């Protein structure tokens, strides 16, 4: 099971960014996949999770109305669309999964993370 997070970078406040989590080595369509982030000195946050079969999203800790999770099973990829980005969104963003037909957490398999830096 491998997850590759990408799409991070430097973005101005108010802008948008789309992160990608590409899965390989397993049938990702059977797995719920989640996005997390961790800023320096802060605890990791559970931003969003999208289910395997029905692609239902949940957003436990995501900023309301600004982040959207989606998936394209044909591309083995889960996305995190970030809109109206704020400096407080600066963090390393990770995607993760656990087991087939399971939930996003606790997560057994993690991608390497992609850095998002927001300038004001």
PDB file of N, CA and C in Angstrom:
ATOM      1  N   UNK A   1       0.852  -1.191   0.000  1.00  0.00           N
ATOM      2  CA  UNK A   1       0.000   0.000   0.000  1.00  0.00           C
ATOM      3  C   UNK A   1       0.891   1.244   0.000  1.00  0.00           C
ATOM      4  N   UNK A   2       0.756   2.044  -1.028  1.00  0.00           N
ATOM      5  CA  UNK A   2       1.525   3.287  -1.097  1.00  0.00           C
ATOM      6  C   UNK A   2       0.615   4.449  -1.451  1.00  0.00           C
ATOM      7  N   UNK A   3       0.854   5.569  -0.783  1.00  0.00           N
ATOM      8  CA  UNK A   3       0.121   6.794  -1.052  1.00  0.00           C
ATOM      9  C   UNK A   3       1.123   7.904  -1.330  1.00  0.00           C
ATOM     10  N   UNK A   4       0.844   8.672  -2.363  1.00  0.00           N
ATOM     11  CA  UNK A   4       1.739   9.771  -2.741  1.00  0.00           C
ATOM     12  C   UNK A   4       0.942  11.060  -2.745  1.00  0.00           C
ATOM     13  N   UNK A   5       1.251  11.938  -1.796  1.00  0.00           N
ATOM     14  CA  UNK A   5       0.587  13.236  -1.751  1.00  0.00           C
ATOM     15  C   UNK A   5       1.385  14.247  -2.566  1.00  0.00           C
ATOM     16  N   UNK A   6       0.687  15.079  -3.292  1.00  0.00           N
ATOM     17  CA  UNK A   6       1.351  16.093  -4.121  1.00  0.00           C
ATOM     18  C   UNK A   6       0.430  17.292  -4.286  1.00  0.00           C
ATOM     19  N   UNK A   7       0.980  18.340  -4.863  1.00  0.00           N
ATOM     20  CA  UNK A   7       0.180  19.521  -5.160  1.00  0.00           C
ATOM     21  C   UNK A   7       0.398  20.681  -4.225  1.00  0.00           C
ATOM     22  N   UNK A   8       1.201  20.494  -3.195  1.00  0.00           N
ATOM     23  CA  UNK A   8       1.462  21.578  -2.280  1.00  0.00           C
ATOM     24  C   UNK A   8       2.372  22.622  -2.895  1.00  0.00           C
ATOM     25  N   UNK A   9       2.582  23.700  -2.161  1.00  0.00           N
ATOM     26  CA  UNK A   9       3.459  24.759  -2.636  1.00  0.00           C
ATOM     27  C   UNK A   9       3.175  26.053  -1.907  1.00  0.00           C
ATOM     28  N   UNK A  10       3.668  27.117  -2.488  1.00  0.00           N
ATOM     29  CA  UNK A  10       3.476  28.457  -1.934  1.00  0.00           C
ATOM     30  C   UNK A  10       2.282  29.101  -2.625  1.00  0.00           C
ATOM     31  N   UNK A  11       1.346  29.589  -1.828  1.00  0.00           N
ATOM     32  CA  UNK A  11       0.128  30.192  -2.388  1.00  0.00           C
ATOM     33  C   UNK A  11      -0.206  31.436  -1.582  1.00  0.00           C
ATOM     34  N   UNK A  12      -0.786  32.407  -2.248  1.00  0.00           N
ATOM     35  CA  UNK A  12      -1.199  33.625  -1.563  1.00  0.00           C
ATOM     36  C   UNK A  12      -2.524  33.422  -0.856  1.00  0.00           C
ATOM     37  N   UNK A  13      -2.688  34.118   0.235  1.00  0.00           N
ATOM     38  CA  UNK A  13      -3.960  34.063   0.951  1.00  0.00           C
ATOM     39  C   UNK A  13      -5.087  34.468   0.013  1.00  0.00           C
ATOM     40  N   UNK A  14      -6.177  33.746   0.116  1.00  0.00           N
ATOM     41  CA  UNK A  14      -7.313  33.991  -0.759  1.00  0.00           C
ATOM     42  C   UNK A  14      -7.326  33.136  -2.000  1.00  0.00           C
ATOM     43  N   UNK A  15      -6.220  32.473  -2.270  1.00  0.00           N
ATOM     44  CA  UNK A  15      -6.120  31.638  -3.454  1.00  0.00           C
ATOM     45  C   UNK A  15      -6.663  30.247  -3.227  1.00  0.00           C
ATOM     46  N   UNK A  16      -6.452  29.402  -4.230  1.00  0.00           N
ATOM     47  CA  UNK A  16      -6.918  28.017  -4.175  1.00  0.00           C
ATOM     48  C   UNK A  16      -5.784  27.066  -4.499  1.00  0.00           C
ATOM     49  N   UNK A  17      -5.954  25.849  -4.034  1.00  0.00           N
ATOM     50  CA  UNK A  17      -4.954  24.817  -4.278  1.00  0.00           C
ATOM     51  C   UNK A  17      -5.677  23.478  -4.287  1.00  0.00           C
ATOM     52  N   UNK A  18      -5.247  22.573  -5.139  1.00  0.00           N
ATOM     53  CA  UNK A  18      -5.804  21.230  -5.127  1.00  0.00           C
ATOM     54  C   UNK A  18      -4.691  20.227  -4.865  1.00  0.00           C
ATOM     55  N   UNK A  19      -4.828  19.525  -3.787  1.00  0.00           N
ATOM     56  CA  UNK A  19      -3.882  18.471  -3.447  1.00  0.00           C
ATOM     57  C   UNK A  19      -4.370  17.143  -4.002  1.00  0.00           C
ATOM     58  N   UNK A  20      -3.408  16.307  -4.379  1.00  0.00           N
ATOM     59  CA  UNK A  20      -3.726  14.984  -4.901  1.00  0.00           C
ATOM     60  C   UNK A  20      -3.078  13.907  -4.050  1.00  0.00           C
ATOM     61  N   UNK A  21      -3.773  12.828  -3.884  1.00  0.00           N
ATOM     62  CA  UNK A  21      -3.250  11.648  -3.182  1.00  0.00           C
ATOM     63  C   UNK A  21      -3.417  10.472  -4.131  1.00  0.00           C
ATOM     64  N   UNK A  22      -2.303  10.012  -4.679  1.00  0.00           N
ATOM     65  CA  UNK A  22      -2.348   8.926  -5.649  1.00  0.00           C
ATOM     66  C   UNK A  22      -1.962   7.619  -4.971  1.00  0.00           C
ATOM     67  N   UNK A  23      -2.821   6.632  -5.143  1.00  0.00           N
ATOM     68  CA  UNK A  23      -2.618   5.332  -4.509  1.00  0.00           C
ATOM     69  C   UNK A  23      -2.017   4.337  -5.485  1.00  0.00           C
ATOM     70  N   UNK A  24      -1.187   3.465  -4.961  1.00  0.00           N
ATOM     71  CA  UNK A  24      -0.616   2.402  -5.779  1.00  0.00           C
ATOM     72  C   UNK A  24      -0.380   1.178  -4.922  1.00  0.00           C
ATOM     73  N   UNK A  25      -0.376   0.026  -5.564  1.00  0.00           N
ATOM     74  CA  UNK A  25      -0.096  -1.204  -4.850  1.00  0.00           C
ATOM     75  C   UNK A  25      -1.301  -1.840  -4.183  1.00  0.00           C
ATOM     76  N   UNK A  26      -2.464  -1.252  -4.363  1.00  0.00           N
ATOM     77  CA  UNK A  26      -3.667  -1.828  -3.783  1.00  0.00           C
ATOM     78  C   UNK A  26      -4.882  -1.264  -4.517  1.00  0.00           C
ATOM     79  N   UNK A  27      -6.011  -1.917  -4.307  1.00  0.00           N
ATOM     80  CA  UNK A  27      -7.248  -1.478  -4.940  1.00  0.00           C
ATOM     81  C   UNK A  27      -7.859  -0.362  -4.096  1.00  0.00           C
ATOM     82  N   UNK A  28      -7.461   0.856  -4.391  1.00  0.00           N
ATOM     83  CA  UNK A  28      -7.846   1.976  -3.541  1.00  0.00           C
ATOM     84  C   UNK A  28      -9.341   2.223  -3.528  1.00  0.00           C
ATOM     85  N   UNK A  29     -10.047   1.710  -4.535  1.00  0.00           N
ATOM     86  CA  UNK A  29     -11.489   1.914  -4.567  1.00  0.00           C
ATOM     87  C   UNK A  29     -12.169   1.289  -3.352  1.00  0.00           C
ATOM     88  N   UNK A  30     -11.543   0.307  -2.747  1.00  0.00           N
ATOM     89  CA  UNK A  30     -12.116  -0.384  -1.588  1.00  0.00           C
ATOM     90  C   UNK A  30     -11.798   0.292  -0.259  1.00  0.00           C
ATOM     91  N   UNK A  31     -11.003   1.346  -0.308  1.00  0.00           N
ATOM     92  CA  UNK A  31     -10.523   1.979   0.916  1.00  0.00           C
ATOM     93  C   UNK A  31     -11.078   3.393   1.076  1.00  0.00           C
ATOM     94  N   UNK A  32     -11.509   3.704   2.290  1.00  0.00           N
ATOM     95  CA  UNK A  32     -11.731   5.105   2.626  1.00  0.00           C
ATOM     96  C   UNK A  32     -10.364   5.776   2.748  1.00  0.00           C
ATOM     97  N   UNK A  33     -10.251   6.988   2.253  1.00  0.00           N
ATOM     98  CA  UNK A  33      -8.979   7.715   2.300  1.00  0.00           C
ATOM     99  C   UNK A  33      -9.222   9.086   2.889  1.00  0.00           C
ATOM    100  N   UNK A  34      -8.320   9.488   3.754  1.00  0.00           N
ATOM    101  CA  UNK A  34      -8.479  10.753   4.446  1.00  0.00           C
ATOM    102  C   UNK A  34      -7.327  11.707   4.222  1.00  0.00           C
ATOM    103  N   UNK A  35      -7.620  12.978   4.483  1.00  0.00           N
ATOM    104  CA  UNK A  35      -6.599  14.025   4.459  1.00  0.00           C
ATOM    105  C   UNK A  35      -6.422  14.570   5.877  1.00  0.00           C
ATOM    106  N   UNK A  36      -5.172  14.819   6.219  1.00  0.00           N
ATOM    107  CA  UNK A  36      -4.792  15.329   7.520  1.00  0.00           C
ATOM    108  C   UNK A  36      -3.795  16.466   7.304  1.00  0.00           C
ATOM    109  N   UNK A  37      -3.580  17.239   8.347  1.00  0.00           N
ATOM    110  CA  UNK A  37      -2.512  18.232   8.272  1.00  0.00           C
ATOM    111  C   UNK A  37      -1.907  18.427   9.653  1.00  0.00           C
ATOM    112  N   UNK A  38      -0.666  18.873   9.634  1.00  0.00           N
ATOM    113  CA  UNK A  38       0.001  19.186  10.891  1.00  0.00           C
ATOM    114  C   UNK A  38       0.865  20.420  10.690  1.00  0.00           C
ATOM    115  N   UNK A  39       0.568  21.427  11.475  1.00  0.00           N
ATOM    116  CA  UNK A  39       1.355  22.651  11.457  1.00  0.00           C
ATOM    117  C   UNK A  39       2.406  22.580  12.550  1.00  0.00           C
ATOM    118  N   UNK A  40       3.487  23.317  12.425  1.00  0.00           N
ATOM    119  CA  UNK A  40       4.544  23.285  13.441  1.00  0.00           C
ATOM    120  C   UNK A  40       3.998  23.621  14.825  1.00  0.00           C
ATOM    121  N   UNK A  41       4.316  22.772  15.787  1.00  0.00           N
ATOM    122  CA  UNK A  41       3.892  23.007  17.156  1.00  0.00           C
ATOM    123  C   UNK A  41       2.441  22.698  17.448  1.00  0.00           C
ATOM    124  N   UNK A  42       1.735  22.155  16.478  1.00  0.00           N
ATOM    125  CA  UNK A  42       0.321  21.857  16.671  1.00  0.00           C
ATOM    126  C   UNK A  42       0.064  20.366  16.480  1.00  0.00           C
ATOM    127  N   UNK A  43      -1.078  19.923  16.989  1.00  0.00           N
ATOM    128  CA  UNK A  43      -1.466  18.537  16.818  1.00  0.00           C
ATOM    129  C   UNK A  43      -1.977  18.309  15.390  1.00  0.00           C
ATOM    130  N   UNK A  44      -1.891  17.065  14.981  1.00  0.00           N
ATOM    131  CA  UNK A  44      -2.404  16.710  13.673  1.00  0.00           C
ATOM    132  C   UNK A  44      -3.922  16.825  13.648  1.00  0.00           C
ATOM    133  N   UNK A  45      -4.447  17.320  12.562  1.00  0.00           N
ATOM    134  CA  UNK A  45      -5.885  17.502  12.402  1.00  0.00           C
ATOM    135  C   UNK A  45      -6.428  16.518  11.362  1.00  0.00           C
ATOM    136  N   UNK A  46      -7.599  16.025  11.648  1.00  0.00           N
ATOM    137  CA  UNK A  46      -8.301  15.167  10.681  1.00  0.00           C
ATOM    138  C   UNK A  46      -9.179  16.070   9.827  1.00  0.00           C
ATOM    139  N   UNK A  47      -8.739  16.331   8.626  1.00  0.00           N
ATOM    140  CA  UNK A  47      -9.464  17.295   7.803  1.00  0.00           C
ATOM    141  C   UNK A  47     -10.698  16.691   7.144  1.00  0.00           C
ATOM    142  N   UNK A  48     -10.510  15.594   6.471  1.00  0.00           N
ATOM    143  CA  UNK A  48     -11.610  15.055   5.668  1.00  0.00           C
ATOM    144  C   UNK A  48     -11.374  13.582   5.398  1.00  0.00           C
ATOM    145  N   UNK A  49     -12.474  12.896   5.162  1.00  0.00           N
ATOM    146  CA  UNK A  49     -12.426  11.471   4.825  1.00  0.00           C
ATOM    147  C   UNK A  49     -13.483  11.205   3.773  1.00  0.00           C
ATOM    148  N   UNK A  50     -13.135  10.394   2.800  1.00  0.00           N
ATOM    149  CA  UNK A  50     -14.125  10.014   1.793  1.00  0.00           C
ATOM    150  C   UNK A  50     -14.243   8.500   1.792  1.00  0.00           C
ATOM    151  N   UNK A  51     -15.467   8.029   1.831  1.00  0.00           N
ATOM    152  CA  UNK A  51     -15.700   6.593   1.964  1.00  0.00           C
ATOM    153  C   UNK A  51     -15.347   5.865   0.679  1.00  0.00           C
ATOM    154  N   UNK A  52     -15.288   4.544   0.782  1.00  0.00           N
ATOM    155  CA  UNK A  52     -14.878   3.734  -0.358  1.00  0.00           C
ATOM    156  C   UNK A  52     -16.005   3.541  -1.361  1.00  0.00           C
ATOM    157  N   UNK A  53     -17.096   2.959  -0.921  1.00  0.00           N
ATOM    158  CA  UNK A  53     -18.123   2.536  -1.869  1.00  0.00           C
ATOM    159  C   UNK A  53     -18.975   3.692  -2.388  1.00  0.00           C
ATOM    160  N   UNK A  54     -19.442   4.547  -1.512  1.00  0.00           N
ATOM    161  CA  UNK A  54     -20.383   5.580  -1.933  1.00  0.00           C
ATOM    162  C   UNK A  54     -19.761   6.963  -2.020  1.00  0.00           C
ATOM    163  N   UNK A  55     -18.480   7.062  -1.739  1.00  0.00           N
ATOM    164  CA  UNK A  55     -17.756   8.341  -1.805  1.00  0.00           C
ATOM    165  C   UNK A  55     -18.420   9.437  -0.985  1.00  0.00           C
ATOM    166  N   UNK A  56     -18.908   9.066   0.171  1.00  0.00           N
ATOM    167  CA  UNK A  56     -19.506  10.053   1.069  1.00  0.00           C
ATOM    168  C   UNK A  56     -18.392  10.750   1.840  1.00  0.00           C
ATOM    169  N   UNK A  57     -18.377  12.087   1.832  1.00  0.00           N
ATOM    170  CA  UNK A  57     -17.329  12.802   2.552  1.00  0.00           C
ATOM    171  C   UNK A  57     -17.762  13.209   3.962  1.00  0.00           C
ATOM    172  N   UNK A  58     -16.799  13.278   4.846  1.00  0.00           N
ATOM    173  CA  UNK A  58     -17.006  13.886   6.159  1.00  0.00           C
ATOM    174  C   UNK A  58     -15.834  14.825   6.418  1.00  0.00           C
ATOM    175  N   UNK A  59     -16.098  15.843   7.217  1.00  0.00           N
ATOM    176  CA  UNK A  59     -15.099  16.894   7.451  1.00  0.00           C
ATOM    177  C   UNK A  59     -15.007  17.194   8.951  1.00  0.00           C
ATOM    178  N   UNK A  60     -14.330  16.357   9.710  1.00  0.00           N
ATOM    179  CA  UNK A  60     -14.307  16.553  11.164  1.00  0.00           C
ATOM    180  C   UNK A  60     -13.659  17.872  11.589  1.00  0.00           C
ATOM    181  N   UNK A  61     -12.482  18.169  11.041  1.00  0.00           N
ATOM    182  CA  UNK A  61     -11.739  19.333  11.499  1.00  0.00           C
ATOM    183  C   UNK A  61     -11.445  20.330  10.393  1.00  0.00           C
ATOM    184  N   UNK A  62     -11.999  20.137   9.228  1.00  0.00           N
ATOM    185  CA  UNK A  62     -11.697  21.042   8.116  1.00  0.00           C
ATOM    186  C   UNK A  62     -12.370  22.382   8.339  1.00  0.00           C
ATOM    187  N   UNK A  63     -11.728  23.459   7.914  1.00  0.00           N
ATOM    188  CA  UNK A  63     -12.378  24.771   7.958  1.00  0.00           C
ATOM    189  C   UNK A  63     -13.685  24.724   7.166  1.00  0.00           C
ATOM    190  N   UNK A  64     -14.741  25.192   7.786  1.00  0.00           N
ATOM    191  CA  UNK A  64     -16.072  25.027   7.199  1.00  0.00           C
ATOM    192  C   UNK A  64     -16.203  25.729   5.867  1.00  0.00           C
ATOM    193  N   UNK A  65     -16.651  24.935   4.875  1.00  0.00           N
ATOM    194  CA  UNK A  65     -16.983  25.501   3.582  1.00  0.00           C
ATOM    195  C   UNK A  65     -15.805  25.792   2.675  1.00  0.00           C
ATOM    196  N   UNK A  66     -14.590  25.548   3.129  1.00  0.00           N
ATOM    197  CA  UNK A  66     -13.439  25.923   2.305  1.00  0.00           C
ATOM    198  C   UNK A  66     -12.720  24.726   1.703  1.00  0.00           C
ATOM    199  N   UNK A  67     -12.864  23.548   2.297  1.00  0.00           N
ATOM    200  CA  UNK A  67     -12.171  22.356   1.809  1.00  0.00           C
ATOM    201  C   UNK A  67     -13.191  21.348   1.287  1.00  0.00           C
ATOM    202  N   UNK A  68     -12.848  20.699   0.185  1.00  0.00           N
ATOM    203  CA  UNK A  68     -13.707  19.688  -0.404  1.00  0.00           C
ATOM    204  C   UNK A  68     -12.879  18.475  -0.792  1.00  0.00           C
ATOM    205  N   UNK A  69     -13.292  17.315  -0.328  1.00  0.00           N
ATOM    206  CA  UNK A  69     -12.612  16.081  -0.685  1.00  0.00           C
ATOM    207  C   UNK A  69     -13.410  15.372  -1.771  1.00  0.00           C
ATOM    208  N   UNK A  70     -12.704  14.751  -2.700  1.00  0.00           N
ATOM    209  CA  UNK A  70     -13.357  14.002  -3.771  1.00  0.00           C
ATOM    210  C   UNK A  70     -12.405  12.898  -4.212  1.00  0.00           C
ATOM    211  N   UNK A  71     -12.924  11.982  -5.013  1.00  0.00           N
ATOM    212  CA  UNK A  71     -12.068  10.899  -5.489  1.00  0.00           C
ATOM    213  C   UNK A  71     -12.400  10.544  -6.921  1.00  0.00           C
ATOM    214  N   UNK A  72     -11.371  10.088  -7.628  1.00  0.00           N
ATOM    215  CA  UNK A  72     -11.511   9.583  -8.988  1.00  0.00           C
ATOM    216  C   UNK A  72     -10.912   8.184  -8.971  1.00  0.00           C
ATOM    217  N   UNK A  73     -11.773   7.196  -8.854  1.00  0.00           N
ATOM    218  CA  UNK A  73     -11.275   5.825  -8.726  1.00  0.00           C
ATOM    219  C   UNK A  73     -10.581   5.345  -9.998  1.00  0.00           C
ATOM    220  N   UNK A  74     -10.948   5.878 -11.124  1.00  0.00           N
ATOM    221  CA  UNK A  74     -10.279   5.486 -12.374  1.00  0.00           C
ATOM    222  C   UNK A  74      -8.818   5.910 -12.368  1.00  0.00           C
ATOM    223  N   UNK A  75      -8.517   6.961 -11.618  1.00  0.00           N
ATOM    224  CA  UNK A  75      -7.141   7.462 -11.528  1.00  0.00           C
ATOM    225  C   UNK A  75      -6.488   7.095 -10.204  1.00  0.00           C
ATOM    226  N   UNK A  76      -7.194   6.320  -9.376  1.00  0.00           N
ATOM    227  CA  UNK A  76      -6.659   5.939  -8.053  1.00  0.00           C
ATOM    228  C   UNK A  76      -6.211   7.170  -7.269  1.00  0.00           C
ATOM    229  N   UNK A  77      -6.984   8.209  -7.331  1.00  0.00           N
ATOM    230  CA  UNK A  77      -6.576   9.479  -6.742  1.00  0.00           C
ATOM    231  C   UNK A  77      -7.714  10.087  -5.926  1.00  0.00           C
ATOM    232  N   UNK A  78      -7.326  10.625  -4.782  1.00  0.00           N
ATOM    233  CA  UNK A  78      -8.238  11.388  -3.931  1.00  0.00           C
ATOM    234  C   UNK A  78      -7.716  12.817  -3.883  1.00  0.00           C
ATOM    235  N   UNK A  79      -8.623  13.764  -3.986  1.00  0.00           N
ATOM    236  CA  UNK A  79      -8.242  15.169  -4.045  1.00  0.00           C
ATOM    237  C   UNK A  79      -8.719  15.919  -2.804  1.00  0.00           C
ATOM    238  N   UNK A  80      -8.009  16.979  -2.486  1.00  0.00           N
ATOM    239  CA  UNK A  80      -8.464  17.928  -1.487  1.00  0.00           C
ATOM    240  C   UNK A  80      -8.404  19.309  -2.127  1.00  0.00           C
ATOM    241  N   UNK A  81      -9.571  19.842  -2.416  1.00  0.00           N
ATOM    242  CA  UNK A  81      -9.670  21.181  -2.971  1.00  0.00           C
ATOM    243  C   UNK A  81      -9.724  22.177  -1.821  1.00  0.00           C
ATOM    244  N   UNK A  82      -8.805  23.130  -1.846  1.00  0.00           N
ATOM    245  CA  UNK A  82      -8.711  24.133  -0.798  1.00  0.00           C
ATOM    246  C   UNK A  82      -8.991  25.484  -1.424  1.00  0.00           C
ATOM    247  N   UNK A  83     -10.023  26.154  -0.961  1.00  0.00           N
ATOM    248  CA  UNK A  83     -10.404  27.452  -1.494  1.00  0.00           C
ATOM    249  C   UNK A  83     -10.317  28.540  -0.430  1.00  0.00           C
ATOM    250  N   UNK A  84     -10.165  29.767  -0.894  1.00  0.00           N
ATOM    251  CA  UNK A  84     -10.069  30.918   0.010  1.00  0.00           C
ATOM    252  C   UNK A  84      -9.058  30.621   1.124  1.00  0.00           C
ATOM    253  N   UNK A  85      -7.882  30.235   0.701  1.00  0.00           N
ATOM    254  CA  UNK A  85      -6.853  29.769   1.632  1.00  0.00           C
ATOM    255  C   UNK A  85      -6.424  30.897   2.562  1.00  0.00           C
ATOM    256  N   UNK A  86      -6.143  30.542   3.804  1.00  0.00           N
ATOM    257  CA  UNK A  86      -5.727  31.493   4.830  1.00  0.00           C
ATOM    258  C   UNK A  86      -4.327  31.131   5.328  1.00  0.00           C
ATOM    259  N   UNK A  87      -3.603  32.115   5.884  1.00  0.00           N
ATOM    260  CA  UNK A  87      -2.263  31.817   6.417  1.00  0.00           C
ATOM    261  C   UNK A  87      -2.277  30.681   7.443  1.00  0.00           C
ATOM    262  N   UNK A  88      -3.389  30.529   8.174  1.00  0.00           N
ATOM    263  CA  UNK A  88      -3.485  29.462   9.169  1.00  0.00           C
ATOM    264  C   UNK A  88      -3.530  28.078   8.537  1.00  0.00           C
ATOM    265  N   UNK A  89      -3.684  28.000   7.230  1.00  0.00           N
ATOM    266  CA  UNK A  89      -3.686  26.711   6.540  1.00  0.00           C
ATOM    267  C   UNK A  89      -2.269  26.203   6.252  1.00  0.00           C
ATOM    268  N   UNK A  90      -1.267  26.995   6.576  1.00  0.00           N
ATOM    269  CA  UNK A  90       0.114  26.559   6.384  1.00  0.00           C
ATOM    270  C   UNK A  90       0.394  25.329   7.240  1.00  0.00           C
ATOM    271  N   UNK A  91       0.805  24.255   6.593  1.00  0.00           N
ATOM    272  CA  UNK A  91       1.033  22.985   7.286  1.00  0.00           C
ATOM    273  C   UNK A  91       1.560  21.970   6.279  1.00  0.00           C
ATOM    274  N   UNK A  92       1.958  20.827   6.812  1.00  0.00           N
ATOM    275  CA  UNK A  92       2.224  19.676   5.962  1.00  0.00           C
ATOM    276  C   UNK A  92       0.930  18.870   5.878  1.00  0.00           C
ATOM    277  N   UNK A  93       0.541  18.538   4.681  1.00  0.00           N
ATOM    278  CA  UNK A  93      -0.708  17.827   4.435  1.00  0.00           C
ATOM    279  C   UNK A  93      -0.400  16.380   4.056  1.00  0.00           C
ATOM    280  N   UNK A  94      -1.111  15.479   4.700  1.00  0.00           N
ATOM    281  CA  UNK A  94      -0.902  14.054   4.488  1.00  0.00           C
ATOM    282  C   UNK A  94      -2.210  13.386   4.073  1.00  0.00           C
ATOM    283  N   UNK A  95      -2.093  12.319   3.304  1.00  0.00           N
ATOM    284  CA  UNK A  95      -3.224  11.449   3.083  1.00  0.00           C
ATOM    285  C   UNK A  95      -2.911  10.088   3.703  1.00  0.00           C
ATOM    286  N   UNK A  96      -3.964   9.394   4.067  1.00  0.00           N
ATOM    287  CA  UNK A  96      -3.768   8.132   4.767  1.00  0.00           C
ATOM    288  C   UNK A  96      -4.995   7.241   4.595  1.00  0.00           C
ATOM    289  N   UNK A  97      -4.763   5.964   4.845  1.00  0.00           N
ATOM    290  CA  UNK A  97      -5.859   5.006   4.792  1.00  0.00           C
ATOM    291  C   UNK A  97      -5.592   3.889   5.785  1.00  0.00           C
ATOM    292  N   UNK A  98      -6.567   3.002   5.945  1.00  0.00           N
ATOM    293  CA  UNK A  98      -6.393   1.965   6.950  1.00  0.00           C
ATOM    294  C   UNK A  98      -6.567   0.564   6.372  1.00  0.00           C
ATOM    295  N   UNK A  99      -7.793   0.185   6.051  1.00  0.00           N
ATOM    296  CA  UNK A  99      -8.044  -1.176   5.583  1.00  0.00           C
ATOM    297  C   UNK A  99      -9.238  -1.185   4.638  1.00  0.00           C
ATOM    298  N   UNK A 100      -9.408  -2.269   3.879  1.00  0.00           N
ATOM    299  CA  UNK A 100     -10.550  -2.297   2.939  1.00  0.00           C
ATOM    300  C   UNK A 100     -11.872  -2.162   3.666  1.00  0.00           C
ATOM    301  N   UNK A 101     -12.747  -1.338   3.133  1.00  0.00           N
ATOM    302  CA  UNK A 101     -14.103  -1.108   3.648  1.00  0.00           C
ATOM    303  C   UNK A 101     -14.085  -0.583   5.081  1.00  0.00           C
ATOM    304  N   UNK A 102     -12.982  -0.044   5.482  1.00  0.00           N
ATOM    305  CA  UNK A 102     -12.876   0.521   6.823  1.00  0.00           C
ATOM    306  C   UNK A 102     -13.058   2.018   6.818  1.00  0.00           C
ATOM    307  N   UNK A 103     -12.694   2.643   7.914  1.00  0.00           N
ATOM    308  CA  UNK A 103     -12.776   4.092   8.031  1.00  0.00           C
ATOM    309  C   UNK A 103     -11.415   4.704   7.706  1.00  0.00           C
ATOM    310  N   UNK A 104     -11.329   6.011   7.812  1.00  0.00           N
ATOM    311  CA  UNK A 104     -10.050   6.680   7.554  1.00  0.00           C
ATOM    312  C   UNK A 104      -9.124   6.635   8.750  1.00  0.00           C
ATOM    313  N   UNK A 105      -9.669   6.449   9.932  1.00  0.00           N
ATOM    314  CA  UNK A 105      -8.832   6.471  11.132  1.00  0.00           C
ATOM    315  C   UNK A 105      -9.324   5.440  12.126  1.00  0.00           C
ATOM    316  N   UNK A 106      -8.398   4.898  12.934  1.00  0.00           N
ATOM    317  CA  UNK A 106      -6.962   5.221  12.873  1.00  0.00           C
ATOM    318  C   UNK A 106      -6.358   4.751  11.551  1.00  0.00           C
ATOM    319  N   UNK A 107      -5.348   5.409  11.083  1.00  0.00           N
ATOM    320  CA  UNK A 107      -4.808   5.151   9.758  1.00  0.00           C
ATOM    321  C   UNK A 107      -3.504   4.364   9.865  1.00  0.00           C
ATOM    322  N   UNK A 108      -3.447   3.326   9.061  1.00  0.00           N
ATOM    323  CA  UNK A 108      -2.283   2.454   9.098  1.00  0.00           C
ATOM    324  C   UNK A 108      -1.224   2.868   8.065  1.00  0.00           C
ATOM    325  N   UNK A 109      -1.694   3.369   6.938  1.00  0.00           N
ATOM    326  CA  UNK A 109      -0.792   3.690   5.832  1.00  0.00           C
ATOM    327  C   UNK A 109      -0.849   5.190   5.547  1.00  0.00           C
ATOM    328  N   UNK A 110       0.363   5.781   5.456  1.00  0.00           N
ATOM    329  CA  UNK A 110       0.456   7.219   5.289  1.00  0.00           C
ATOM    330  C   UNK A 110       1.286   7.574   4.071  1.00  0.00           C
ATOM    331  N   UNK A 111       0.892   8.640   3.392  1.00  0.00           N
ATOM    332  CA  UNK A 111       1.738   9.220   2.369  1.00  0.00           C
ATOM    333  C   UNK A 111       2.824  10.059   3.021  1.00  0.00           C
ATOM    334  N   UNK A 112       3.726  10.577   2.231  1.00  0.00           N
ATOM    335  CA  UNK A 112       4.893  11.271   2.768  1.00  0.00           C
ATOM    336  C   UNK A 112       4.619  12.723   3.124  1.00  0.00           C
ATOM    337  N   UNK A 113       3.504  13.274   2.717  1.00  0.00           N
ATOM    338  CA  UNK A 113       3.179  14.647   3.061  1.00  0.00           C
ATOM    339  C   UNK A 113       3.606  15.622   1.989  1.00  0.00           C
ATOM    340  N   UNK A 114       2.826  16.690   1.865  1.00  0.00           N
ATOM    341  CA  UNK A 114       3.159  17.762   0.937  1.00  0.00           C
ATOM    342  C   UNK A 114       2.978  19.095   1.670  1.00  0.00           C
ATOM    343  N   UNK A 115       3.963  19.964   1.537  1.00  0.00           N
ATOM    344  CA  UNK A 115       3.973  21.217   2.283  1.00  0.00           C
ATOM    345  C   UNK A 115       3.118  22.269   1.579  1.00  0.00           C
ATOM    346  N   UNK A 116       2.257  22.900   2.355  1.00  0.00           N
ATOM    347  CA  UNK A 116       1.485  24.048   1.873  1.00  0.00           C
ATOM    348  C   UNK A 116       1.894  25.255   2.701  1.00  0.00           C
ATOM    349  N   UNK A 117       2.330  26.296   2.032  1.00  0.00           N
ATOM    350  CA  UNK A 117       2.732  27.524   2.703  1.00  0.00           C
ATOM    351  C   UNK A 117       1.912  28.672   2.130  1.00  0.00           C
ATOM    352  N   UNK A 118       1.263  29.400   3.025  1.00  0.00           N
ATOM    353  CA  UNK A 118       0.380  30.473   2.603  1.00  0.00           C
ATOM    354  C   UNK A 118       0.990  31.811   2.997  1.00  0.00           C
ATOM    355  N   UNK A 119       1.125  32.678   2.030  1.00  0.00           N
ATOM    356  CA  UNK A 119       1.655  34.016   2.303  1.00  0.00           C
ATOM    357  C   UNK A 119       0.501  35.003   2.416  1.00  0.00           C
ATOM    358  N   UNK A 120       0.650  35.934   3.340  1.00  0.00           N
ATOM    359  CA  UNK A 120      -0.419  36.908   3.567  1.00  0.00           C
ATOM    360  C   UNK A 120      -0.223  38.161   2.729  1.00  0.00           C
TER     361      UNK A 120
END
